C-alpha atoms as a PDB file:
ATOM      1  CA  UNK A   1     325.928 202.975  69.326  1.00  0.00           C
ATOM      2  CA  UNK A   2     322.785 203.617  66.756  1.00  0.00           C
ATOM      3  CA  UNK A   3     319.387 201.677  67.633  1.00  0.00           C
ATOM      4  CA  UNK A   4     317.159 201.840  64.083  1.00  0.00           C
ATOM      5  CA  UNK A   5     313.609 199.832  65.089  1.00  0.00           C
ATOM      6  CA  UNK A   6     312.189 198.285  61.884  1.00  0.00           C
ATOM      7  CA  UNK A   7     309.172 195.901  61.726  1.00  0.00           C
ATOM      8  CA  UNK A   8     308.150 196.390  65.422  1.00  0.00           C
ATOM      9  CA  UNK A   9     312.033 194.956  66.572  1.00  0.00           C
ATOM     10  CA  UNK A  10     315.263 196.804  67.515  1.00  0.00           C
ATOM     11  CA  UNK A  11     318.061 195.692  65.576  1.00  0.00           C
ATOM     12  CA  UNK A  12     321.504 196.839  65.728  1.00  0.00           C
ATOM     13  CA  UNK A  13     323.062 199.014  63.551  1.00  0.00           C
ATOM     14  CA  UNK A  14     326.478 198.457  64.676  1.00  0.00           C
ATOM     15  CA  UNK A  15     327.826 196.094  67.556  1.00  0.00           C
ATOM     16  CA  UNK A  16     330.201 196.570  70.294  1.00  0.00           C
ATOM     17  CA  UNK A  17     332.636 193.532  70.216  1.00  0.00           C
ATOM     18  CA  UNK A  18     331.905 192.704  74.111  1.00  0.00           C
ATOM     19  CA  UNK A  19     328.274 192.201  73.633  1.00  0.00           C
ATOM     20  CA  UNK A  20     326.710 190.265  76.679  1.00  0.00           C
ATOM     21  CA  UNK A  21     323.358 189.856  78.684  1.00  0.00           C
ATOM     22  CA  UNK A  22     322.358 192.279  81.257  1.00  0.00           C
ATOM     23  CA  UNK A  23     323.082 190.980  84.865  1.00  0.00           C
ATOM     24  CA  UNK A  24     322.114 194.416  86.661  1.00  0.00           C
ATOM     25  CA  UNK A  25     323.685 194.874  89.696  1.00  0.00           C
ATOM     26  CA  UNK A  26     322.195 197.857  91.811  1.00  0.00           C
ATOM     27  CA  UNK A  27     324.760 200.656  93.482  1.00  0.00           C
ATOM     28  CA  UNK A  28     323.185 198.940  97.220  1.00  0.00           C
ATOM     29  CA  UNK A  29     325.000 195.728  95.483  1.00  0.00           C
ATOM     30  CA  UNK A  30     321.492 193.751  94.557  1.00  0.00           C
ATOM     31  CA  UNK A  31     320.673 191.800  91.643  1.00  0.00           C
ATOM     32  CA  UNK A  32     317.895 192.747  89.565  1.00  0.00           C
ATOM     33  CA  UNK A  33     316.533 189.885  86.918  1.00  0.00           C
ATOM     34  CA  UNK A  34     314.573 192.106  84.381  1.00  0.00           C
ATOM     35  CA  UNK A  35     314.724 189.201  82.247  1.00  0.00           C
ATOM     36  CA  UNK A  36     312.394 187.884  84.263  1.00  0.00           C
ATOM     37  CA  UNK A  37     309.952 190.667  84.292  1.00  0.00           C
ATOM     38  CA  UNK A  38     310.211 191.052  80.946  1.00  0.00           C
ATOM     39  CA  UNK A  39     309.127 187.340  80.174  1.00  0.00           C
ATOM     40  CA  UNK A  40     306.248 187.954  82.487  1.00  0.00           C
ATOM     41  CA  UNK A  41     305.661 191.134  80.554  1.00  0.00           C
ATOM     42  CA  UNK A  42     304.748 189.022  77.633  1.00  0.00           C
ATOM     43  CA  UNK A  43     302.634 186.130  79.026  1.00  0.00           C
ATOM     44  CA  UNK A  44     300.762 189.240  80.209  1.00  0.00           C
ATOM     45  CA  UNK A  45     300.344 190.745  77.182  1.00  0.00           C
ATOM     46  CA  UNK A  46     299.013 187.498  75.357  1.00  0.00           C
ATOM     47  CA  UNK A  47     296.521 187.076  78.046  1.00  0.00           C
ATOM     48  CA  UNK A  48     294.869 190.506  77.719  1.00  0.00           C
ATOM     49  CA  UNK A  49     295.284 189.601  74.095  1.00  0.00           C
ATOM     50  CA  UNK A  50     293.329 186.575  74.227  1.00  0.00           C
ATOM     51  CA  UNK A  51     290.671 188.659  76.288  1.00  0.00           C
ATOM     52  CA  UNK A  52     289.611 190.448  73.204  1.00  0.00           C
ATOM     53  CA  UNK A  53     288.871 194.162  71.491  1.00  0.00           C
ATOM     54  CA  UNK A  54     288.470 195.813  74.666  1.00  0.00           C
ATOM     55  CA  UNK A  55     292.009 194.723  75.928  1.00  0.00           C
ATOM     56  CA  UNK A  56     294.225 194.930  72.924  1.00  0.00           C
ATOM     57  CA  UNK A  57     295.757 198.743  73.660  1.00  0.00           C
ATOM     58  CA  UNK A  58     296.769 197.228  76.758  1.00  0.00           C
ATOM     59  CA  UNK A  59     297.802 194.020  75.229  1.00  0.00           C
ATOM     60  CA  UNK A  60     300.310 196.504  72.811  1.00  0.00           C
ATOM     61  CA  UNK A  61     301.534 198.662  75.352  1.00  0.00           C
ATOM     62  CA  UNK A  62     302.496 195.329  77.962  1.00  0.00           C
ATOM     63  CA  UNK A  63     304.293 193.861  75.262  1.00  0.00           C
ATOM     64  CA  UNK A  64     306.255 196.583  74.316  1.00  0.00           C
ATOM     65  CA  UNK A  65     307.094 197.289  78.702  1.00  0.00           C
ATOM     66  CA  UNK A  66     311.026 197.495  79.371  1.00  0.00           C
ATOM     67  CA  UNK A  67     312.169 196.680  75.754  1.00  0.00           C
ATOM     68  CA  UNK A  68     314.792 199.736  76.673  1.00  0.00           C
ATOM     69  CA  UNK A  69     316.232 200.486  79.751  1.00  0.00           C
ATOM     70  CA  UNK A  70     319.029 203.715  80.556  1.00  0.00           C
ATOM     71  CA  UNK A  71     321.294 203.339  83.307  1.00  0.00           C
ATOM     72  CA  UNK A  72     324.029 205.993  84.920  1.00  0.00           C
ATOM     73  CA  UNK A  73     327.514 204.890  84.085  1.00  0.00           C
ATOM     74  CA  UNK A  74     328.719 203.742  87.507  1.00  0.00           C
ATOM     75  CA  UNK A  75     330.688 206.521  89.376  1.00  0.00           C
ATOM     76  CA  UNK A  76     334.429 205.693  90.742  1.00  0.00           C
ATOM     77  CA  UNK A  77     334.744 202.880  93.182  1.00  0.00           C
ATOM     78  CA  UNK A  78     330.495 202.745  92.931  1.00  0.00           C
ATOM     79  CA  UNK A  79     329.182 198.622  92.755  1.00  0.00           C
ATOM     80  CA  UNK A  80     326.474 198.811  90.272  1.00  0.00           C
ATOM     81  CA  UNK A  81     324.472 201.145  87.962  1.00  0.00           C
ATOM     82  CA  UNK A  82     321.189 203.020  88.976  1.00  0.00           C
ATOM     83  CA  UNK A  83     318.426 202.805  86.241  1.00  0.00           C
ATOM     84  CA  UNK A  84     317.767 206.564  85.498  1.00  0.00           C
ATOM     85  CA  UNK A  85     314.635 205.485  82.846  1.00  0.00           C
ATOM     86  CA  UNK A  86     312.700 202.007  82.226  1.00  0.00           C
ATOM     87  CA  UNK A  87     310.304 202.595  79.105  1.00  0.00           C
ATOM     88  CA  UNK A  88     307.598 200.561  80.954  1.00  0.00           C
ATOM     89  CA  UNK A  89     304.013 200.437  80.157  1.00  0.00           C
ATOM     90  CA  UNK A  90     302.729 201.469  83.977  1.00  0.00           C
ATOM     91  CA  UNK A  91     300.115 198.816  83.765  1.00  0.00           C
ATOM     92  CA  UNK A  92     298.879 197.867  86.827  1.00  0.00           C
ATOM     93  CA  UNK A  93     299.528 194.106  86.604  1.00  0.00           C
ATOM     94  CA  UNK A  94     302.919 194.168  85.081  1.00  0.00           C
ATOM     95  CA  UNK A  95     305.920 192.948  87.203  1.00  0.00           C
ATOM     96  CA  UNK A  96     308.292 194.998  86.007  1.00  0.00           C
ATOM     97  CA  UNK A  97     306.129 198.362  86.703  1.00  0.00           C
ATOM     98  CA  UNK A  98     304.946 196.944  89.776  1.00  0.00           C
ATOM     99  CA  UNK A  99     308.496 196.642  91.294  1.00  0.00           C
ATOM    100  CA  UNK A 100     309.474 199.935  90.092  1.00  0.00           C
ATOM    101  CA  UNK A 101     306.070 201.111  91.648  1.00  0.00           C
ATOM    102  CA  UNK A 102     307.190 199.275  94.816  1.00  0.00           C
ATOM    103  CA  UNK A 103     310.876 200.924  95.290  1.00  0.00           C
ATOM    104  CA  UNK A 104     309.514 204.506  94.555  1.00  0.00           C
ATOM    105  CA  UNK A 105     306.454 203.820  97.110  1.00  0.00           C
ATOM    106  CA  UNK A 106     309.497 202.588  99.772  1.00  0.00           C
ATOM    107  CA  UNK A 107     311.367 205.161  99.387  1.00  0.00           C
ATOM    108  CA  UNK A 108     308.932 208.072  99.943  1.00  0.00           C
ATOM    109  CA  UNK A 109     307.426 206.599 102.845  1.00  0.00           C
ATOM    110  CA  UNK A 110     311.330 206.199 104.479  1.00  0.00           C
ATOM    111  CA  UNK A 111     311.629 209.550 103.358  1.00  0.00           C
ATOM    112  CA  UNK A 112     308.331 210.532 105.212  1.00  0.00           C
ATOM    113  CA  UNK A 113     308.694 208.632 108.137  1.00  0.00           C
ATOM    114  CA  UNK A 114     312.355 209.786 108.702  1.00  0.00           C
ATOM    115  CA  UNK A 115     310.667 213.548 108.187  1.00  0.00           C
ATOM    116  CA  UNK A 116     308.077 212.684 110.921  1.00  0.00           C
ATOM    117  CA  UNK A 117     310.447 211.125 113.279  1.00  0.00           C
ATOM    118  CA  UNK A 118     312.253 214.464 113.191  1.00  0.00           C
ATOM    119  CA  UNK A 119     308.945 216.372 114.264  1.00  0.00           C
ATOM    120  CA  UNK A 120     308.145 213.533 116.655  1.00  0.00           C
ATOM    121  CA  UNK A 121     310.914 211.438 118.002  1.00  0.00           C
ATOM    122  CA  UNK A 122     309.159 209.866 120.980  1.00  0.00           C
ATOM    123  CA  UNK A 123     306.557 208.185 118.496  1.00  0.00           C
ATOM    124  CA  UNK A 124     306.593 204.741 118.034  1.00  0.00           C
ATOM    125  CA  UNK A 125     305.528 202.716 114.660  1.00  0.00           C
ATOM    126  CA  UNK A 126     303.387 199.654 114.338  1.00  0.00           C
ATOM    127  CA  UNK A 127     302.794 197.424 111.385  1.00  0.00           C
ATOM    128  CA  UNK A 128     298.886 196.645 110.957  1.00  0.00           C
ATOM    129  CA  UNK A 129     297.057 193.893 108.902  1.00  0.00           C
ATOM    130  CA  UNK A 130     293.554 194.346 108.276  1.00  0.00           C
ATOM    131  CA  UNK A 131     291.744 190.786 106.447  1.00  0.00           C
ATOM    132  CA  UNK A 132     288.653 189.415 105.307  1.00  0.00           C
ATOM    133  CA  UNK A 133     287.953 185.924 104.371  1.00  0.00           C
ATOM    134  CA  UNK A 134     288.796 184.801 100.862  1.00  0.00           C
ATOM    135  CA  UNK A 135     286.290 185.863  97.883  1.00  0.00           C
ATOM    136  CA  UNK A 136     285.449 184.675  94.697  1.00  0.00           C
ATOM    137  CA  UNK A 137     285.591 186.618  91.349  1.00  0.00           C
ATOM    138  CA  UNK A 138     281.662 187.129  91.857  1.00  0.00           C
ATOM    139  CA  UNK A 139     281.977 189.240  94.956  1.00  0.00           C
ATOM    140  CA  UNK A 140     285.460 190.797  94.606  1.00  0.00           C
ATOM    141  CA  UNK A 141     284.928 193.854  93.462  1.00  0.00           C
ATOM    142  CA  UNK A 142     282.276 194.714  96.253  1.00  0.00           C
ATOM    143  CA  UNK A 143     284.035 193.009  98.757  1.00  0.00           C
ATOM    144  CA  UNK A 144     286.899 195.214  98.170  1.00  0.00           C
ATOM    145  CA  UNK A 145     285.146 198.359  98.045  1.00  0.00           C
ATOM    146  CA  UNK A 146     283.916 197.163 101.711  1.00  0.00           C
ATOM    147  CA  UNK A 147     287.375 196.213 102.873  1.00  0.00           C
ATOM    148  CA  UNK A 148     288.327 200.080 101.979  1.00  0.00           C
ATOM    149  CA  UNK A 149     285.136 201.322 103.086  1.00  0.00           C
ATOM    150  CA  UNK A 150     285.645 199.934 106.284  1.00  0.00           C
ATOM    151  CA  UNK A 151     289.376 200.962 107.071  1.00  0.00           C
ATOM    152  CA  UNK A 152     287.752 204.401 106.321  1.00  0.00           C
ATOM    153  CA  UNK A 153     285.397 204.146 108.630  1.00  0.00           C
ATOM    154  CA  UNK A 154     288.108 202.460 111.398  1.00  0.00           C
ATOM    155  CA  UNK A 155     289.998 205.766 111.297  1.00  0.00           C
ATOM    156  CA  UNK A 156     287.427 207.674 112.027  1.00  0.00           C
ATOM    157  CA  UNK A 157     286.326 205.913 114.815  1.00  0.00           C
ATOM    158  CA  UNK A 158     287.630 207.760 118.707  1.00  0.00           C
ATOM    159  CA  UNK A 159     289.491 204.676 119.927  1.00  0.00           C
ATOM    160  CA  UNK A 160     292.073 204.904 116.454  1.00  0.00           C
ATOM    161  CA  UNK A 161     291.785 208.960 116.518  1.00  0.00           C
ATOM    162  CA  UNK A 162     293.126 208.818 119.993  1.00  0.00           C
ATOM    163  CA  UNK A 163     295.737 206.400 119.518  1.00  0.00           C
ATOM    164  CA  UNK A 164     297.080 206.601 116.210  1.00  0.00           C
ATOM    165  CA  UNK A 165     299.036 210.445 115.356  1.00  0.00           C
ATOM    166  CA  UNK A 166     300.302 209.045 111.780  1.00  0.00           C
ATOM    167  CA  UNK A 167     299.061 206.137 109.057  1.00  0.00           C
ATOM    168  CA  UNK A 168     299.768 204.823 105.720  1.00  0.00           C
ATOM    169  CA  UNK A 169     297.798 202.270 104.094  1.00  0.00           C
ATOM    170  CA  UNK A 170     298.534 200.134 100.956  1.00  0.00           C
ATOM    171  CA  UNK A 171     296.080 197.599  99.186  1.00  0.00           C
ATOM    172  CA  UNK A 172     297.321 194.276  98.806  1.00  0.00           C
ATOM    173  CA  UNK A 173     294.934 190.853  96.552  1.00  0.00           C
ATOM    174  CA  UNK A 174     296.978 187.888  96.613  1.00  0.00           C
ATOM    175  CA  UNK A 175     295.198 184.849  94.438  1.00  0.00           C
ATOM    176  CA  UNK A 176     295.076 181.165  95.875  1.00  0.00           C
ATOM    177  CA  UNK A 177     295.812 178.933  92.517  1.00  0.00           C
ATOM    178  CA  UNK A 178     294.808 175.632  94.421  1.00  0.00           C
ATOM    179  CA  UNK A 179     291.311 177.465  95.587  1.00  0.00           C
ATOM    180  CA  UNK A 180     290.432 179.982  93.041  1.00  0.00           C
ATOM    181  CA  UNK A 181     289.625 182.323  95.445  1.00  0.00           C
ATOM    182  CA  UNK A 182     291.134 186.150  96.119  1.00  0.00           C
ATOM    183  CA  UNK A 183     292.616 187.196  99.372  1.00  0.00           C
ATOM    184  CA  UNK A 184     292.194 191.341  99.763  1.00  0.00           C
ATOM    185  CA  UNK A 185     293.740 192.739 102.740  1.00  0.00           C
ATOM    186  CA  UNK A 186     295.589 195.884 103.957  1.00  0.00           C
ATOM    187  CA  UNK A 187     298.663 196.697 105.342  1.00  0.00           C
ATOM    188  CA  UNK A 188     298.705 199.867 107.633  1.00  0.00           C
ATOM    189  CA  UNK A 189     301.787 201.755 109.132  1.00  0.00           C
ATOM    190  CA  UNK A 190     300.918 203.639 112.707  1.00  0.00           C
ATOM    191  CA  UNK A 191     302.187 205.825 114.408  1.00  0.00           C
ATOM    192  CA  UNK A 192     301.405 205.905 118.241  1.00  0.00           C
ATOM    193  CA  UNK A 193     302.400 209.071 120.512  1.00  0.00           C
ATOM    194  CA  UNK A 194     303.845 208.369 124.033  1.00  0.00           C
ATOM    195  CA  UNK A 195     300.392 208.952 125.684  1.00  0.00           C
ATOM    196  CA  UNK A 196     299.419 205.725 123.426  1.00  0.00           C
ATOM    197  CA  UNK A 197     301.163 204.015 126.186  1.00  0.00           C
ATOM    198  CA  UNK A 198     300.267 205.833 129.541  1.00  0.00           C
ATOM    199  CA  UNK A 199     298.110 203.734 131.904  1.00  0.00           C
ATOM    200  CA  UNK A 200     296.443 206.677 133.127  1.00  0.00           C
ATOM    201  CA  UNK A 201     295.093 207.833 129.772  1.00  0.00           C
ATOM    202  CA  UNK A 202     293.533 204.608 128.812  1.00  0.00           C
ATOM    203  CA  UNK A 203     294.073 204.413 125.081  1.00  0.00           C
ATOM    204  CA  UNK A 204     296.252 201.546 124.903  1.00  0.00           C
ATOM    205  CA  UNK A 205     294.199 198.707 122.997  1.00  0.00           C
ATOM    206  CA  UNK A 206     294.584 194.922 122.541  1.00  0.00           C
ATOM    207  CA  UNK A 207     294.690 192.624 119.912  1.00  0.00           C
ATOM    208  CA  UNK A 208     291.413 191.399 120.986  1.00  0.00           C
ATOM    209  CA  UNK A 209     290.106 195.096 120.918  1.00  0.00           C
ATOM    210  CA  UNK A 210     291.946 196.032 117.679  1.00  0.00           C
ATOM    211  CA  UNK A 211     289.906 192.685 116.097  1.00  0.00           C
ATOM    212  CA  UNK A 212     286.525 193.477 117.764  1.00  0.00           C
ATOM    213  CA  UNK A 213     286.807 197.379 116.414  1.00  0.00           C
ATOM    214  CA  UNK A 214     287.620 195.949 112.921  1.00  0.00           C
ATOM    215  CA  UNK A 215     284.520 193.459 113.404  1.00  0.00           C
ATOM    216  CA  UNK A 216     282.004 196.391 114.118  1.00  0.00           C
ATOM    217  CA  UNK A 217     283.228 199.029 111.297  1.00  0.00           C
ATOM    218  CA  UNK A 218     282.799 196.097 108.685  1.00  0.00           C
ATOM    219  CA  UNK A 219     279.840 194.227 110.035  1.00  0.00           C
ATOM    220  CA  UNK A 220     281.753 190.971 110.053  1.00  0.00           C
ATOM    221  CA  UNK A 221     281.704 188.892 113.047  1.00  0.00           C
ATOM    222  CA  UNK A 222     282.671 186.379 110.561  1.00  0.00           C
ATOM    223  CA  UNK A 223     286.306 187.597 110.742  1.00  0.00           C
ATOM    224  CA  UNK A 224     288.507 186.080 113.128  1.00  0.00           C
ATOM    225  CA  UNK A 225     292.052 187.146 112.008  1.00  0.00           C
ATOM    226  CA  UNK A 226     294.035 190.575 112.606  1.00  0.00           C
ATOM    227  CA  UNK A 227     297.815 191.276 113.094  1.00  0.00           C
ATOM    228  CA  UNK A 228     299.256 194.381 114.884  1.00  0.00           C
ATOM    229  CA  UNK A 229     302.972 194.183 115.717  1.00  0.00           C
ATOM    230  CA  UNK A 230     304.893 196.928 117.074  1.00  0.00           C
ATOM    231  CA  UNK A 231     308.584 197.804 115.116  1.00  0.00           C
ATOM    232  CA  UNK A 232     310.982 196.487 117.119  1.00  0.00           C
ATOM    233  CA  UNK A 233     314.763 196.771 116.551  1.00  0.00           C
ATOM    234  CA  UNK A 234     316.570 193.263 115.203  1.00  0.00           C
ATOM    235  CA  UNK A 235     319.014 192.087 117.532  1.00  0.00           C
ATOM    236  CA  UNK A 236     322.332 193.632 115.823  1.00  0.00           C
ATOM    237  CA  UNK A 237     325.232 195.079 117.790  1.00  0.00           C
ATOM    238  CA  UNK A 238     324.937 198.832 116.630  1.00  0.00           C
ATOM    239  CA  UNK A 239     320.797 199.177 118.144  1.00  0.00           C
ATOM    240  CA  UNK A 240     320.061 202.202 116.072  1.00  0.00           C
ATOM    241  CA  UNK A 241     320.991 199.937 112.816  1.00  0.00           C
ATOM    242  CA  UNK A 242     318.663 197.575 114.246  1.00  0.00           C
ATOM    243  CA  UNK A 243     316.146 200.255 114.425  1.00  0.00           C
ATOM    244  CA  UNK A 244     316.812 201.247 110.815  1.00  0.00           C
ATOM    245  CA  UNK A 245     316.717 197.653 109.522  1.00  0.00           C
ATOM    246  CA  UNK A 246     313.398 197.223 111.502  1.00  0.00           C
ATOM    247  CA  UNK A 247     311.655 199.977 109.988  1.00  0.00           C
ATOM    248  CA  UNK A 248     312.790 199.030 106.197  1.00  0.00           C
ATOM    249  CA  UNK A 249     311.391 195.501 106.481  1.00  0.00           C
ATOM    250  CA  UNK A 250     307.914 196.979 107.741  1.00  0.00           C
ATOM    251  CA  UNK A 251     308.071 199.824 104.859  1.00  0.00           C
ATOM    252  CA  UNK A 252     309.026 197.445 102.476  1.00  0.00           C
ATOM    253  CA  UNK A 253     306.080 195.288 102.948  1.00  0.00           C
ATOM    254  CA  UNK A 254     303.543 197.880 103.153  1.00  0.00           C
ATOM    255  CA  UNK A 255     304.678 199.433 100.153  1.00  0.00           C
ATOM    256  CA  UNK A 256     305.051 196.437  97.889  1.00  0.00           C
ATOM    257  CA  UNK A 257     302.906 195.325  94.895  1.00  0.00           C
ATOM    258  CA  UNK A 258     299.164 195.438  94.666  1.00  0.00           C
ATOM    259  CA  UNK A 259     299.187 191.758  93.237  1.00  0.00           C
ATOM    260  CA  UNK A 260     302.340 189.508  94.224  1.00  0.00           C
ATOM    261  CA  UNK A 261     303.386 188.285  90.752  1.00  0.00           C
ATOM    262  CA  UNK A 262     304.553 184.826  91.977  1.00  0.00           C
ATOM    263  CA  UNK A 263     300.315 184.361  92.772  1.00  0.00           C
ATOM    264  CA  UNK A 264     299.533 184.712  89.157  1.00  0.00           C
ATOM    265  CA  UNK A 265     302.374 183.767  86.747  1.00  0.00           C
ATOM    266  CA  UNK A 266     303.323 180.115  86.354  1.00  0.00           C
ATOM    267  CA  UNK A 267     306.350 179.103  85.009  1.00  0.00           C
ATOM    268  CA  UNK A 268     306.412 177.750  81.360  1.00  0.00           C
ATOM    269  CA  UNK A 269     309.364 175.852  79.979  1.00  0.00           C
ATOM    270  CA  UNK A 270     311.492 178.987  80.581  1.00  0.00           C
ATOM    271  CA  UNK A 271     308.666 181.614  80.074  1.00  0.00           C
ATOM    272  CA  UNK A 272     305.589 182.049  81.806  1.00  0.00           C
ATOM    273  CA  UNK A 273     301.869 181.434  81.174  1.00  0.00           C
ATOM    274  CA  UNK A 274     299.076 183.398  83.379  1.00  0.00           C
ATOM    275  CA  UNK A 275     294.968 182.691  83.526  1.00  0.00           C
ATOM    276  CA  UNK A 276     293.232 185.546  81.059  1.00  0.00           C
ATOM    277  CA  UNK A 277     289.985 185.332  83.324  1.00  0.00           C
ATOM    278  CA  UNK A 278     292.496 185.648  86.483  1.00  0.00           C
ATOM    279  CA  UNK A 279     293.910 189.271  84.884  1.00  0.00           C
ATOM    280  CA  UNK A 280     289.996 190.028  84.001  1.00  0.00           C
ATOM    281  CA  UNK A 281     288.702 189.863  87.608  1.00  0.00           C
ATOM    282  CA  UNK A 282     292.274 191.763  88.886  1.00  0.00           C
ATOM    283  CA  UNK A 283     292.240 194.114  86.082  1.00  0.00           C
ATOM    284  CA  UNK A 284     288.600 194.939  86.624  1.00  0.00           C
ATOM    285  CA  UNK A 285     288.383 195.091  90.300  1.00  0.00           C
ATOM    286  CA  UNK A 286     291.714 196.950  90.651  1.00  0.00           C
ATOM    287  CA  UNK A 287     290.720 200.054  87.994  1.00  0.00           C
ATOM    288  CA  UNK A 288     290.409 203.345  89.419  1.00  0.00           C
ATOM    289  CA  UNK A 289     291.520 202.013  92.991  1.00  0.00           C
ATOM    290  CA  UNK A 290     293.272 204.097  94.908  1.00  0.00           C
ATOM    291  CA  UNK A 291     296.085 201.440  96.095  1.00  0.00           C
ATOM    292  CA  UNK A 292     297.866 203.504  98.746  1.00  0.00           C
ATOM    293  CA  UNK A 293     296.804 206.414 101.039  1.00  0.00           C
ATOM    294  CA  UNK A 294     298.281 208.620 103.653  1.00  0.00           C
ATOM    295  CA  UNK A 295     296.772 210.294 106.749  1.00  0.00           C
ATOM    296  CA  UNK A 296     296.786 214.017 106.984  1.00  0.00           C
ATOM    297  CA  UNK A 297     300.025 214.267 108.536  1.00  0.00           C
ATOM    298  CA  UNK A 298     301.705 212.520 106.008  1.00  0.00           C
ATOM    299  CA  UNK A 299     300.230 214.450 103.123  1.00  0.00           C
ATOM    300  CA  UNK A 300     301.530 217.851 104.978  1.00  0.00           C
ATOM    301  CA  UNK A 301     304.715 216.353 105.121  1.00  0.00           C
ATOM    302  CA  UNK A 302     304.599 215.469 101.791  1.00  0.00           C
ATOM    303  CA  UNK A 303     303.980 218.665 100.249  1.00  0.00           C
ATOM    304  CA  UNK A 304     306.641 219.883 102.273  1.00  0.00           C
ATOM    305  CA  UNK A 305     309.023 217.390 100.846  1.00  0.00           C
ATOM    306  CA  UNK A 306     310.294 217.868  97.308  1.00  0.00           C
ATOM    307  CA  UNK A 307     311.827 214.613  94.961  1.00  0.00           C
ATOM    308  CA  UNK A 308     315.005 215.127  93.683  1.00  0.00           C
ATOM    309  CA  UNK A 309     315.458 214.507  90.392  1.00  0.00           C
ATOM    310  CA  UNK A 310     318.647 213.561  88.569  1.00  0.00           C
ATOM    311  CA  UNK A 311     319.285 214.480  85.044  1.00  0.00           C
ATOM    312  CA  UNK A 312     322.248 212.893  82.995  1.00  0.00           C
ATOM    313  CA  UNK A 313     323.664 213.613  79.758  1.00  0.00           C
ATOM    314  CA  UNK A 314     323.044 211.154  76.362  1.00  0.00           C
ATOM    315  CA  UNK A 315     327.217 210.283  76.736  1.00  0.00           C
ATOM    316  CA  UNK A 316     327.115 209.734  80.525  1.00  0.00           C
ATOM    317  CA  UNK A 317     324.462 206.516  79.700  1.00  0.00           C
ATOM    318  CA  UNK A 318     324.528 202.915  79.223  1.00  0.00           C
ATOM    319  CA  UNK A 319     321.473 201.834  76.694  1.00  0.00           C
ATOM    320  CA  UNK A 320     320.328 198.267  77.151  1.00  0.00           C
ATOM    321  CA  UNK A 321     317.935 197.261  74.688  1.00  0.00           C
ATOM    322  CA  UNK A 322     315.617 194.263  74.601  1.00  0.00           C
ATOM    323  CA  UNK A 323     316.212 192.155  71.117  1.00  0.00           C
ATOM    324  CA  UNK A 324     313.185 189.892  70.093  1.00  0.00           C
ATOM    325  CA  UNK A 325     313.268 187.404  67.587  1.00  0.00           C
ATOM    326  CA  UNK A 326     309.677 186.259  65.995  1.00  0.00           C
ATOM    327  CA  UNK A 327     307.982 183.709  67.556  1.00  0.00           C
ATOM    328  CA  UNK A 328     310.869 183.170  70.146  1.00  0.00           C
ATOM    329  CA  UNK A 329     309.978 183.658  74.115  1.00  0.00           C
ATOM    330  CA  UNK A 330     313.484 183.416  75.339  1.00  0.00           C
ATOM    331  CA  UNK A 331     315.007 186.404  74.566  1.00  0.00           C
ATOM    332  CA  UNK A 332     317.053 188.306  76.897  1.00  0.00           C
ATOM    333  CA  UNK A 333     318.974 192.049  77.370  1.00  0.00           C
ATOM    334  CA  UNK A 334     321.974 193.227  75.351  1.00  0.00           C
ATOM    335  CA  UNK A 335     324.262 196.224  76.738  1.00  0.00           C
ATOM    336  CA  UNK A 336     324.745 198.986  73.682  1.00  0.00           C
ATOM    337  CA  UNK A 337     326.742 202.363  74.553  1.00  0.00           C
ATOM    338  CA  UNK A 338     325.860 206.041  72.858  1.00  0.00           C
ATOM    339  CA  UNK A 339     329.281 207.191  71.604  1.00  0.00           C
ATOM    340  CA  UNK A 340     330.058 210.699  71.055  1.00  0.00           C
END
């Protein structure tokens, strides 16, 4: 298949007889809704365009996000296809790019955790969620700065240093459409050495002590909520399977998007709409932010681990290209193949 781009849209020079909409199934058997992400990126691009001159380049990049995806041809007996490359915009608010980034973070964190467990097999893991009262657009930038500074101070407190050997944290911002308020919070994965639970060391912190410590570093006695829970195995027949499932769910929660697409994109007759003022607030607030961070132990493990890369020849790819008609929002993917 030869692809020609004319007037800003891809056209088919020749067509396969069985041209069909894309229903992507991953090798693990999950269905991935690329069409939904594409429609949301169109809505995001339109919102950037409405914001004026300073956002036009962003608008163009987002409008062209994921117009082409390259898949590896499935091996014999393989259930689905692996994405080799998706031509994304890499915008922080783009749902498709967020989804891809989330999966990459998940795989990296799982690899780091497994490497960590090889070095410290007796350590136990917990998920910590740090919150603050909901904030408005006017103060959100300063409030998120205070939240990240508070976490940095928390990691330097003696009770934290005594209790935690390694940590990973991710910033998340959710939006309430009814109240118009934003809820920034931090998800953190904590690794505790065995002596944390030993009564003679007196390092263990209960829920109230964690909350008091968080109030102190934030200097906010009005913070009333904090969540910390040890990761326990799912009640399955295979104990090892249960541990992996519990850890996978926790890491997926921690590694997910900085903003939830469901919070800002509103379904609208086959497409989506989004408030440009919400987009402006999030883009302005999250600009140049470190949304994820690793402790020293994890940083050292990251340097030891080298990411694996898989290269494919052009005749081993299935190429899906997004065909768009002018002024039509309900678009779909179609299958194309490069032929030698």
